[in-house]
Amino acid sequence: MARLWSTSILVLVCLSFLSLILAPVHSTLKTPSTRDEVVASFQSWVDRVGAKTDAETILNKTEINLIPCKAGDTVPERVIVVDQNGGGDYTTINEAFSAVPPHNIDPITIKVLPGTYFERVVVPKNKRCITLQGAGRDVTKITSSFVANDTGTTYTTSTFGVSASYFTARNISFENSSPPPNGKRMHQAVALRTTGDFNAFYGCAFYGQQDTLYDARGRHYFKDTLIVGSVDFIFGDGKSLYKDCELRVLSHRGGSITAQKRHNFSEDTGYSFVNCRVTGSGPATAYLGRAWGPYSRVVFALTEFADIIDPVGWYSWDAARESTVFYGEYKCFGPGANESHRVKWAHELNDTEAQPFVSLDYINGGLWVTEE
């Protein structure tokens, strides 16, 4: 064991020494001299490399995401019809997704006829290039009512979960019909969870209370969507652009619209809301965002705020995060947009600062978004 430990220390020292050579020179740099310092230095190196890898994975895209779906004009698009009354190919949405072959790259549309579908659906990674087409978000709904206390985790409460890339949903509603949280733990209840890359949602609606939309990971585009909730109802660590959306805050004292979970400075994630509306009624106690992650990043641009926004605007969770989060507003308006009492560590962006957040380029949309 002593020899093994000596070998391990030698490896750690070598790695630490290499990291010191490759790192920029600083006058305050200290060479590790004790076991604890060696371990700490090695862990710091691992963290830096891991952060860089995470950022590069998101920025440069994984190999599977570089394989596009086949173009609809060269490959006949398959259409699967779901009708709970028996007039289609299947009566449930789960049956329709089961009919999609694994490792699919052909365009497939699952057309869902009007009705309320009491199902829980998961779209796995190997079922890509699918469009879920409802008959209108007011007449086509997928719903369930599980909370974290039922399933054990927030992640597993979702009515609809997407792990696949190149998934699109149109004109359909996703609901978690669980009642409002009562202050007890494990009342999180997700309507939709997405960990897939290149996901787009057009004309959809998401209904819930606490943790309605788990925008967990990947690049996503939400256009003309309605998102309803009370506490942290858009949350996760995705990199997403919300355009022309309505965020409807249900009355609940102390709630927050967003809880973005960016972990570190190198991680390229965050939420951007452009030309949206924040609506609702009740006391002015809703935060625009609170820092679930220490480097949480959220921007609201050209957005109208109802008078339900807490005047301070943002919540850091703890004082240490005030210097690391990035919360910005750009030319927002409405009774909730008065910035005279905003926290000092939030930002009022100018045109140049706002530009990266208001364009489709924010989510590399030129590579995959088919319509604006």
Protein backbone atom coordinates (compact mmCIF):
# COMPACT_ATOMS: atom_id res chain seq x y z
CA MET A 1 0.00 0.00 0.00
CA ALA A 2 2.87 2.40 0.81
CA ARG A 3 4.41 1.80 -2.60
CA LEU A 4 1.02 2.30 -4.29
CA TRP A 5 0.50 5.55 -2.41
CA SER A 6 3.96 6.77 -3.39
CA THR A 7 3.23 5.99 -7.04
CA SER A 8 -0.09 7.84 -6.81
CA ILE A 9 1.56 10.87 -5.26
CA LEU A 10 4.21 10.86 -8.00
CA VAL A 11 1.49 10.81 -10.69
CA LEU A 12 -0.41 13.61 -8.98
CA VAL A 13 2.72 15.70 -8.62
CA CYS A 14 3.60 15.20 -12.27
CA LEU A 15 0.12 16.17 -13.39
CA SER A 16 0.13 19.18 -11.13
CA PHE A 17 3.59 20.17 -12.39
CA LEU A 18 2.43 19.89 -16.01
CA SER A 19 -0.62 22.01 -15.28
CA LEU A 20 1.63 24.64 -13.72
CA ILE A 21 3.87 24.68 -16.79
CA LEU A 22 0.93 25.02 -19.16
CA ALA A 23 -0.90 27.58 -17.08
CA PRO A 24 -0.33 31.34 -17.41
CA VAL A 25 2.34 32.65 -15.06
CA HIS A 26 1.08 34.47 -11.98
CA SER A 27 3.22 35.92 -9.27
CA THR A 28 1.01 34.36 -6.59
CA LEU A 29 1.27 30.77 -7.95
CA LYS A 30 2.29 28.34 -5.23
CA THR A 31 3.87 24.93 -5.86
CA PRO A 32 2.09 22.14 -3.90
CA SER A 33 4.25 20.90 -1.03
CA THR A 34 1.94 18.74 1.11
CA ARG A 35 -0.34 15.80 0.29
CA ASP A 36 -3.46 17.94 0.75
CA GLU A 37 -2.11 20.64 -1.55
CA VAL A 38 -1.19 18.07 -4.21
CA VAL A 39 -4.68 16.55 -4.10
CA ALA A 40 -6.30 20.01 -4.18
CA SER A 41 -4.12 21.05 -7.13
CA PHE A 42 -4.96 17.87 -9.02
CA GLN A 43 -8.68 18.31 -8.37
CA SER A 44 -8.47 21.89 -9.61
CA TRP A 45 -6.85 20.64 -12.81
CA VAL A 46 -9.59 18.01 -13.25
CA ASP A 47 -12.27 20.64 -12.71
CA ARG A 48 -10.71 22.98 -15.30
CA VAL A 49 -10.38 20.22 -17.90
CA GLY A 50 -13.92 19.00 -17.19
CA ALA A 51 -15.35 22.49 -17.52
CA LYS A 52 -13.54 23.00 -20.82
CA THR A 53 -14.81 19.66 -22.12
CA ASP A 54 -18.41 20.49 -21.15
CA ALA A 55 -18.19 23.83 -22.91
CA GLU A 56 -16.65 22.35 -26.05
CA THR A 57 -19.27 19.61 -26.16
CA ILE A 58 -22.01 22.21 -26.18
CA LEU A 59 -20.28 24.64 -28.54
CA ASN A 60 -18.86 22.21 -31.06
CA LYS A 61 -21.68 19.65 -30.91
CA THR A 62 -21.32 15.92 -30.53
CA GLU A 63 -20.81 13.64 -33.50
CA ILE A 64 -24.40 12.38 -33.52
CA ASN A 65 -25.75 15.93 -33.71
CA LEU A 66 -23.64 16.59 -36.80
CA ILE A 67 -25.68 13.92 -38.61
CA PRO A 68 -28.74 15.84 -39.86
CA CYS A 69 -32.15 14.43 -40.52
CA LYS A 70 -32.76 13.55 -44.15
CA ALA A 71 -34.40 16.34 -46.10
CA GLY A 72 -38.16 16.01 -46.44
CA ASP A 73 -38.05 16.80 -50.17
CA THR A 74 -35.76 13.84 -50.89
CA VAL A 75 -37.28 11.33 -48.48
CA PRO A 76 -41.07 10.91 -48.33
CA GLU A 77 -42.16 11.96 -44.86
CA ARG A 78 -43.92 9.27 -42.89
CA VAL A 79 -47.03 10.38 -41.03
CA ILE A 80 -48.41 8.44 -38.07
CA VAL A 81 -51.89 9.41 -36.91
CA VAL A 82 -52.97 9.10 -33.26
CA ASP A 83 -56.70 9.24 -32.52
CA GLN A 84 -57.97 8.13 -29.14
CA ASN A 85 -61.34 7.47 -30.76
CA GLY A 86 -59.88 4.81 -33.06
CA GLY A 87 -59.80 6.71 -36.34
CA GLY A 88 -56.00 6.71 -36.76
CA ASP A 89 -53.07 4.33 -36.82
CA TYR A 90 -52.89 4.18 -33.03
CA THR A 91 -55.00 5.27 -30.07
CA THR A 92 -52.11 6.34 -27.80
CA ILE A 93 -49.08 8.56 -28.29
CA ASN A 94 -46.80 5.95 -26.73
CA GLU A 95 -47.81 3.42 -29.37
CA ALA A 96 -46.92 5.91 -32.09
CA PHE A 97 -43.44 6.53 -30.70
CA SER A 98 -42.91 2.78 -30.32
CA ALA A 99 -43.54 2.45 -34.06
CA VAL A 100 -40.57 4.72 -34.89
CA PRO A 101 -37.52 2.57 -35.70
CA PRO A 102 -34.40 2.97 -33.52
CA HIS A 103 -31.61 5.22 -34.85
CA ASN A 104 -34.08 6.95 -37.12
CA ILE A 105 -32.86 9.85 -39.30
CA ASP A 106 -35.87 10.01 -41.62
CA PRO A 107 -38.44 12.77 -41.04
CA ILE A 108 -41.47 11.37 -39.23
CA THR A 109 -44.55 13.30 -38.11
CA ILE A 110 -46.76 11.98 -35.35
CA LYS A 111 -50.08 13.73 -35.88
CA VAL A 112 -52.24 13.80 -32.74
CA LEU A 113 -55.94 14.45 -33.24
CA PRO A 114 -57.94 16.48 -30.69
CA GLY A 115 -58.35 15.04 -27.22
CA THR A 116 -56.82 14.79 -23.76
CA TYR A 117 -54.28 11.98 -23.62
CA PHE A 118 -53.61 10.66 -20.13
CA GLU A 119 -50.11 9.34 -20.73
CA ARG A 120 -46.49 9.67 -19.70
CA VAL A 121 -44.16 9.66 -22.70
CA VAL A 122 -40.37 9.45 -23.05
CA VAL A 123 -38.64 10.00 -26.40
CA PRO A 124 -35.30 8.11 -26.20
CA LYS A 125 -32.05 9.30 -27.76
CA ASN A 126 -32.24 6.86 -30.65
CA LYS A 127 -35.59 8.16 -31.95
CA ARG A 128 -34.57 11.36 -33.65
CA CYS A 129 -36.07 13.57 -36.37
CA ILE A 130 -39.63 13.38 -35.05
CA THR A 131 -42.25 16.12 -35.21
CA LEU A 132 -45.15 15.85 -32.77
CA GLN A 133 -48.04 17.73 -34.37
CA GLY A 134 -51.16 18.56 -32.37
CA ALA A 135 -54.44 19.90 -33.70
CA GLY A 136 -54.05 23.05 -31.57
CA ARG A 137 -52.78 23.59 -28.07
CA ASP A 138 -56.29 24.36 -26.81
CA VAL A 139 -57.71 21.05 -28.07
CA THR A 140 -54.78 18.60 -27.90
CA LYS A 141 -53.23 17.86 -24.52
CA ILE A 142 -50.95 15.27 -22.92
CA THR A 143 -51.35 15.16 -19.15
CA SER A 144 -50.37 13.34 -15.96
CA SER A 145 -50.12 14.24 -12.28
CA PHE A 146 -46.96 12.84 -10.70
CA VAL A 147 -44.90 14.79 -8.16
CA ALA A 148 -41.40 14.07 -6.87
CA ASN A 149 -42.86 12.53 -3.74
CA ASP A 150 -44.44 9.88 -6.01
CA THR A 151 -41.46 9.08 -8.24
CA GLY A 152 -38.49 9.89 -6.00
CA THR A 153 -36.92 12.62 -8.17
CA THR A 154 -38.00 15.74 -10.01
CA TYR A 155 -36.53 14.34 -13.24
CA THR A 156 -38.88 11.36 -13.27
CA THR A 157 -42.09 13.35 -12.73
CA SER A 158 -42.31 14.62 -16.31
CA THR A 159 -45.44 14.02 -18.32
CA PHE A 160 -43.34 14.22 -21.49
CA GLY A 161 -39.57 13.71 -21.63
CA VAL A 162 -37.30 14.25 -24.65
CA SER A 163 -33.78 12.80 -24.84
CA ALA A 164 -33.58 12.77 -28.65
CA SER A 165 -32.01 15.40 -30.88
CA TYR A 166 -33.91 17.11 -33.70
CA PHE A 167 -37.27 16.83 -31.95
CA THR A 168 -40.01 19.32 -32.79
CA ALA A 169 -43.43 19.85 -31.23
CA ARG A 170 -46.20 21.99 -32.67
CA ASN A 171 -49.61 23.14 -31.49
CA ILE A 172 -49.94 20.79 -28.53
CA SER A 173 -50.10 21.17 -24.74
CA PHE A 174 -48.09 19.39 -22.08
CA GLU A 175 -49.52 19.40 -18.56
CA ASN A 176 -48.68 18.24 -15.07
CA SER A 177 -51.99 18.63 -13.29
CA SER A 178 -50.60 18.28 -9.74
CA PRO A 179 -52.00 20.83 -7.26
CA PRO A 180 -50.06 23.93 -6.14
CA PRO A 181 -47.14 23.30 -3.77
CA ASN A 182 -48.10 23.61 -0.12
CA GLY A 183 -44.67 24.39 1.29
CA LYS A 184 -43.68 20.76 1.82
CA ARG A 185 -40.74 19.08 0.11
CA MET A 186 -40.96 16.89 -3.00
CA HIS A 187 -43.84 18.75 -4.63
CA GLN A 188 -41.95 19.43 -7.86
CA ALA A 189 -44.03 18.37 -10.86
CA VAL A 190 -42.69 18.60 -14.43
CA ALA A 191 -44.89 18.91 -17.51
CA LEU A 192 -42.03 18.66 -20.04
CA ARG A 193 -38.38 17.73 -19.61
CA THR A 194 -35.85 18.07 -22.42
CA THR A 195 -32.24 16.88 -22.43
CA GLY A 196 -32.11 16.56 -26.23
CA ASP A 197 -30.14 18.89 -28.48
CA PHE A 198 -31.74 20.89 -31.30
CA ASN A 199 -35.30 20.74 -29.90
CA ALA A 200 -37.92 23.25 -31.09
CA PHE A 201 -41.41 24.02 -29.81
CA TYR A 202 -43.87 26.11 -31.84
CA GLY A 203 -47.29 27.22 -30.65
CA CYS A 204 -47.19 24.86 -27.68
CA ALA A 205 -48.32 25.28 -24.07
CA PHE A 206 -46.83 23.98 -20.83
CA TYR A 207 -49.05 23.87 -17.75
CA GLY A 208 -47.94 23.19 -14.19
CA GLN A 209 -47.15 24.71 -10.82
CA GLN A 210 -43.66 24.15 -9.38
CA ASP A 211 -41.02 23.19 -12.00
CA THR A 212 -43.32 23.14 -15.04
CA LEU A 213 -40.65 23.16 -17.76
CA TYR A 214 -37.40 21.32 -17.09
CA ASP A 215 -35.14 22.91 -19.71
CA ALA A 216 -32.37 20.65 -18.55
CA ARG A 217 -29.69 20.32 -21.22
CA GLY A 218 -29.09 21.10 -24.90
CA ARG A 219 -30.03 23.90 -27.30
CA HIS A 220 -33.72 24.67 -27.60
CA TYR A 221 -36.00 27.13 -29.37
CA PHE A 222 -39.42 28.11 -28.04
CA LYS A 223 -41.62 30.21 -30.34
CA ASP A 224 -45.14 31.50 -29.59
CA THR A 225 -45.41 29.24 -26.57
CA LEU A 226 -47.34 29.63 -23.31
CA ILE A 227 -45.61 28.56 -20.10
CA VAL A 228 -47.65 28.54 -16.88
CA GLY A 229 -46.40 27.99 -13.33
CA SER A 230 -45.75 29.38 -9.89
CA VAL A 231 -42.30 28.40 -8.54
CA ASP A 232 -39.10 28.02 -10.61
CA PHE A 233 -41.30 27.03 -13.51
CA ILE A 234 -38.58 27.30 -16.16
CA PHE A 235 -35.48 25.62 -14.77
CA GLY A 236 -32.42 23.57 -15.64
CA ASP A 237 -29.10 24.02 -17.45
CA GLY A 238 -30.13 24.29 -21.09
CA LYS A 239 -29.11 26.97 -23.56
CA SER A 240 -32.42 28.21 -24.91
CA LEU A 241 -34.02 31.06 -26.79
CA TYR A 242 -37.62 31.95 -25.96
CA LYS A 243 -39.17 34.22 -28.57
CA ASP A 244 -42.66 35.77 -28.58
CA CYS A 245 -43.71 33.65 -25.61
CA GLU A 246 -46.10 34.27 -22.72
CA LEU A 247 -44.88 33.41 -19.22
CA ARG A 248 -47.95 33.26 -17.00
CA VAL A 249 -47.24 33.46 -13.28
CA LEU A 250 -49.80 31.79 -11.04
CA SER A 251 -50.34 33.52 -7.73
CA HIS A 252 -47.87 32.10 -5.22
CA ARG A 253 -45.94 34.16 -2.72
CA GLY A 254 -42.19 34.01 -3.25
CA GLY A 255 -42.13 32.24 -6.61
CA SER A 256 -39.60 32.66 -9.40
CA ILE A 257 -40.02 32.48 -13.16
CA THR A 258 -36.59 30.95 -13.85
CA ALA A 259 -34.02 28.90 -11.96
CA GLN A 260 -31.11 28.44 -14.36
CA LYS A 261 -28.32 26.10 -13.25
CA ARG A 262 -25.13 27.14 -15.02
CA HIS A 263 -22.33 25.56 -12.98
CA ASN A 264 -19.19 27.48 -13.90
CA PHE A 265 -17.84 30.36 -15.93
CA SER A 266 -16.71 28.16 -18.84
CA GLU A 267 -20.10 26.52 -19.31
CA ASP A 268 -22.00 28.00 -22.26
CA THR A 269 -25.61 27.77 -21.13
CA GLY A 270 -28.37 30.18 -20.17
CA TYR A 271 -31.87 31.37 -21.03
CA SER A 272 -32.73 34.31 -23.26
CA PHE A 273 -36.28 35.70 -23.50
CA VAL A 274 -36.93 38.01 -26.44
CA ASN A 275 -40.13 39.94 -27.15
CA CYS A 276 -42.03 37.97 -24.52
CA ARG A 277 -44.80 38.84 -22.06
CA VAL A 278 -44.84 38.10 -18.35
CA THR A 279 -48.46 38.01 -17.20
CA GLY A 280 -50.41 37.06 -14.10
CA SER A 281 -52.11 38.55 -11.07
CA GLY A 282 -51.40 38.78 -7.38
CA PRO A 283 -48.77 40.47 -5.22
CA ALA A 284 -45.50 41.75 -6.66
CA THR A 285 -43.42 38.85 -5.28
CA ALA A 286 -42.28 36.95 -8.39
CA TYR A 287 -38.56 37.03 -9.17
CA LEU A 288 -37.40 37.07 -12.78
CA GLY A 289 -34.86 34.46 -11.78
CA ARG A 290 -33.00 32.91 -8.93
CA ALA A 291 -29.59 31.29 -9.03
CA TRP A 292 -30.01 27.54 -8.88
CA GLY A 293 -26.44 27.36 -10.18
CA PRO A 294 -23.63 29.64 -8.98
CA TYR A 295 -23.11 31.02 -12.52
CA SER A 296 -26.78 31.19 -13.44
CA ARG A 297 -27.38 33.21 -16.64
CA VAL A 298 -30.72 34.72 -17.75
CA VAL A 299 -31.54 37.69 -19.99
CA PHE A 300 -34.90 39.33 -20.67
CA ALA A 301 -34.97 41.55 -23.76
CA LEU A 302 -37.78 43.69 -25.17
CA THR A 303 -40.17 41.97 -22.78
CA GLU A 304 -43.30 43.30 -21.10
CA PHE A 305 -43.59 42.74 -17.33
CA ALA A 306 -46.91 42.82 -15.48
CA ASP A 307 -46.96 44.34 -11.99
CA ILE A 308 -46.30 40.97 -10.32
CA ILE A 309 -42.50 41.27 -10.46
CA ASP A 310 -40.72 41.84 -7.15
CA PRO A 311 -39.09 45.29 -7.48
CA VAL A 312 -35.63 43.84 -6.74
CA GLY A 313 -36.04 41.60 -9.78
CA TRP A 314 -33.58 38.82 -9.01
CA TYR A 315 -32.56 36.51 -6.17
CA SER A 316 -28.99 35.22 -5.80
CA TRP A 317 -29.74 32.41 -3.33
CA ASP A 318 -26.67 33.45 -1.34
CA ALA A 319 -24.35 36.44 -1.32
CA ALA A 320 -21.42 34.52 -2.82
CA ARG A 321 -23.30 34.10 -6.11
CA GLU A 322 -23.89 37.80 -6.61
CA SER A 323 -20.47 38.18 -8.19
CA THR A 324 -20.79 35.15 -10.49
CA VAL A 325 -24.35 35.13 -11.85
CA PHE A 326 -25.26 37.04 -15.01
CA TYR A 327 -28.77 38.52 -14.97
CA GLY A 328 -29.64 41.15 -17.55
CA GLU A 329 -32.54 43.21 -18.86
CA TYR A 330 -32.67 45.04 -22.16
CA LYS A 331 -35.33 47.60 -23.06
CA CYS A 332 -38.05 45.84 -21.09
CA PHE A 333 -41.25 47.68 -20.30
CA GLY A 334 -44.53 47.52 -18.39
CA PRO A 335 -45.36 48.17 -14.73
CA GLY A 336 -42.99 45.43 -13.53
CA ALA A 337 -40.00 46.79 -15.44
CA ASN A 338 -39.17 49.70 -13.14
CA GLU A 339 -35.47 49.27 -12.39
CA SER A 340 -35.13 51.83 -9.63
CA HIS A 341 -35.11 49.08 -6.97
CA ARG A 342 -33.34 46.33 -8.89
CA VAL A 343 -30.43 44.54 -7.18
CA LYS A 344 -27.12 46.24 -7.88
CA TRP A 345 -25.51 43.09 -9.29
CA ALA A 346 -28.03 42.76 -12.16
CA HIS A 347 -27.31 44.44 -15.50
CA GLU A 348 -29.17 46.86 -17.74
CA LEU A 349 -27.70 45.89 -21.08
CA ASN A 350 -26.85 48.26 -23.90
CA ASP A 351 -27.29 47.40 -27.59
CA THR A 352 -23.87 45.80 -27.93
CA GLU A 353 -24.18 43.73 -24.77
CA ALA A 354 -27.66 42.52 -25.68
CA GLN A 355 -26.89 41.51 -29.26
CA PRO A 356 -25.51 38.00 -28.54
CA PHE A 357 -28.66 37.11 -26.62
CA VAL A 358 -31.35 38.28 -29.07
CA SER A 359 -30.21 36.45 -32.20
CA LEU A 360 -30.75 32.85 -33.32
CA ASP A 361 -26.97 32.63 -33.24
CA TYR A 362 -27.31 32.38 -29.45
CA ILE A 363 -28.39 28.74 -29.93
CA ASN A 364 -26.50 28.17 -33.21
CA GLY A 365 -29.94 28.37 -34.77
CA GLY A 366 -28.64 28.81 -38.30
CA LEU A 367 -27.57 25.16 -38.19
CA TRP A 368 -30.94 23.67 -37.31
CA VAL A 369 -33.89 26.07 -36.75
CA THR A 370 -36.12 25.71 -39.82
CA GLU A 371 -38.37 28.71 -39.21
CA GLU A 372 -38.39 31.82 -37.04
